[in-house]
Protein backbone atom coordinates (compact mmCIF):
# COMPACT_ATOMS: atom_id res chain seq x y z
CA MET A 1 81.68 23.26 -91.17
CA GLY A 2 82.14 25.60 -94.11
CA ASP A 3 82.13 22.62 -96.48
CA PHE A 4 78.80 21.38 -95.13
CA TYR A 5 76.90 24.70 -95.28
CA ARG A 6 77.49 26.43 -98.60
CA GLY A 7 76.14 29.79 -99.70
CA GLY A 8 72.83 31.05 -98.44
CA ARG A 9 71.16 27.67 -97.98
CA ARG A 10 71.55 27.74 -94.22
CA THR A 11 70.31 31.34 -94.03
CA TYR A 12 67.24 30.63 -96.18
CA GLY A 13 66.57 27.42 -94.27
CA SER A 14 66.75 29.25 -90.94
CA ALA A 15 64.41 31.98 -92.15
CA LEU A 16 61.89 29.40 -93.42
CA PHE A 17 62.19 27.51 -90.13
CA ILE A 18 61.36 30.67 -88.14
CA VAL A 19 58.34 31.37 -90.38
CA SER A 20 57.13 27.78 -89.99
CA MET A 21 57.48 27.97 -86.19
CA VAL A 22 55.44 31.21 -86.09
CA LEU A 23 52.73 29.47 -88.13
CA LEU A 24 52.94 26.46 -85.80
CA ILE A 25 52.33 28.72 -82.80
CA GLY A 26 49.34 30.22 -84.64
CA TRP A 27 48.10 26.71 -85.41
CA LEU A 28 48.29 25.64 -81.76
CA ARG A 29 46.74 28.91 -80.60
CA SER A 30 43.83 28.64 -83.08
CA GLY A 31 42.55 25.53 -81.33
CA VAL A 32 42.02 27.50 -78.11
CA VAL A 33 41.59 31.19 -78.99
CA VAL A 34 39.84 32.93 -81.88
CA ASP A 35 42.01 35.70 -83.36
CA GLN A 36 40.37 38.13 -85.74
CA PHE A 37 41.90 40.99 -87.72
CA VAL A 38 39.89 43.59 -89.68
CA LEU A 39 41.49 44.03 -93.09
CA GLU A 40 39.11 46.57 -94.61
CA SER A 41 35.90 48.21 -93.51
CA GLN A 42 33.53 50.26 -95.67
CA PHE A 43 30.35 52.05 -94.67
CA SER A 44 28.06 53.44 -97.36
CA GLY A 45 24.86 54.64 -95.74
CA PRO A 46 23.17 51.83 -93.85
CA LEU A 47 25.20 49.15 -95.67
CA GLN A 48 28.38 47.81 -94.05
CA GLU A 49 31.12 45.76 -95.68
CA ILE A 50 33.89 44.31 -93.55
CA TYR A 51 36.69 41.90 -94.50
CA TYR A 52 38.13 39.74 -91.70
CA LEU A 53 41.11 37.46 -91.37
CA ARG A 54 40.09 34.98 -88.68
CA SER A 55 42.18 32.21 -87.15
CA ASN A 56 40.14 29.47 -85.47
CA ASP A 57 39.56 25.71 -85.66
CA ASN A 58 43.08 25.07 -87.01
CA ALA A 59 42.52 27.20 -90.12
CA ILE A 60 42.98 30.71 -91.45
CA ARG A 61 39.73 32.09 -92.87
CA PHE A 62 39.19 35.12 -95.09
CA ILE A 63 35.63 36.28 -94.35
CA TYR A 64 33.39 38.82 -96.09
CA HIS A 65 30.83 40.30 -93.66
CA PHE A 66 28.09 42.54 -95.09
CA GLY A 67 24.62 43.78 -94.34
CA SER A 68 22.63 46.59 -92.79
CA GLY A 69 20.91 47.06 -89.45
CA ARG A 70 20.47 43.67 -87.81
CA ALA A 71 20.53 41.65 -91.05
CA PHE A 72 24.15 40.64 -91.50
CA ARG A 73 25.60 37.87 -93.59
CA GLU A 74 29.04 36.27 -93.49
CA GLU A 75 30.68 34.37 -96.31
CA GLU A 76 33.93 32.46 -96.03
CA LEU A 77 35.85 33.30 -99.17
CA ILE A 78 39.07 31.39 -98.50
CA VAL A 79 39.86 28.70 -95.91
CA VAL A 80 43.45 27.46 -95.60
CA HIS A 81 44.37 24.92 -92.95
CA TYR A 82 47.61 25.52 -91.08
CA ALA A 83 48.93 22.03 -91.86
CA ILE A 84 48.94 22.77 -95.60
CA ILE A 85 51.37 25.65 -95.00
CA THR A 86 53.35 24.67 -91.90
CA LEU A 87 54.38 21.09 -92.70
CA PRO A 88 55.85 21.71 -96.19
CA LEU A 89 57.67 24.84 -94.96
CA SER A 90 59.26 22.83 -92.13
CA LEU A 91 60.33 20.09 -94.54
CA ILE A 92 61.84 22.57 -97.01
CA ALA A 93 63.67 24.35 -94.16
CA ALA A 94 65.12 21.05 -92.93
CA CYS A 95 66.27 20.12 -96.43
CA LEU A 96 67.95 23.49 -96.93
CA MET A 97 69.74 23.41 -93.58
CA PHE A 98 70.86 19.78 -93.36
CA TRP A 99 71.28 18.35 -96.86
CA LYS A 100 74.72 18.57 -98.37
CA THR A 101 75.08 20.48 -101.62
CA ARG A 102 76.14 18.64 -104.74
CA LYS A 103 79.78 18.95 -105.65
CA THR A 104 80.50 20.85 -108.82
CA LEU A 105 82.30 19.18 -111.71
CA GLN A 106 85.51 21.00 -110.78
CA HIS A 107 85.49 19.56 -107.26
CA ARG A 108 84.68 16.02 -108.46
CA CYS A 109 87.32 15.80 -111.19
CA GLY A 110 89.92 18.10 -109.76
CA SER A 111 90.10 20.38 -112.80
CA THR A 112 87.83 22.27 -115.14
CA PRO A 113 86.65 20.45 -118.26
CA GLU A 114 88.13 21.46 -121.60
CA ILE A 115 85.74 22.52 -124.30
């Protein structure tokens, strides 16, 4: 088994796999529940500025919310769909964990090359 998994490839692959599974759970949850996190909030007199990170409709949205009194406006600054992040991370994790490493020149030829 030591020949199959060399170096930190398995460790990095496992860490990426855990991150991709957490994002997958967020992806599945975003279809049912709206999660919202306040990143920064500023109040200057009657004007309010709030930055949100919202997870809904299978996407992560970075939202700028501003206004005063009852007149508020929201702008979506960045929208990233979960599939764009989760699927490539899962593929990279699988490649790191299950693909064999290339043999070095010393292992292929049996000795080090002479220069």
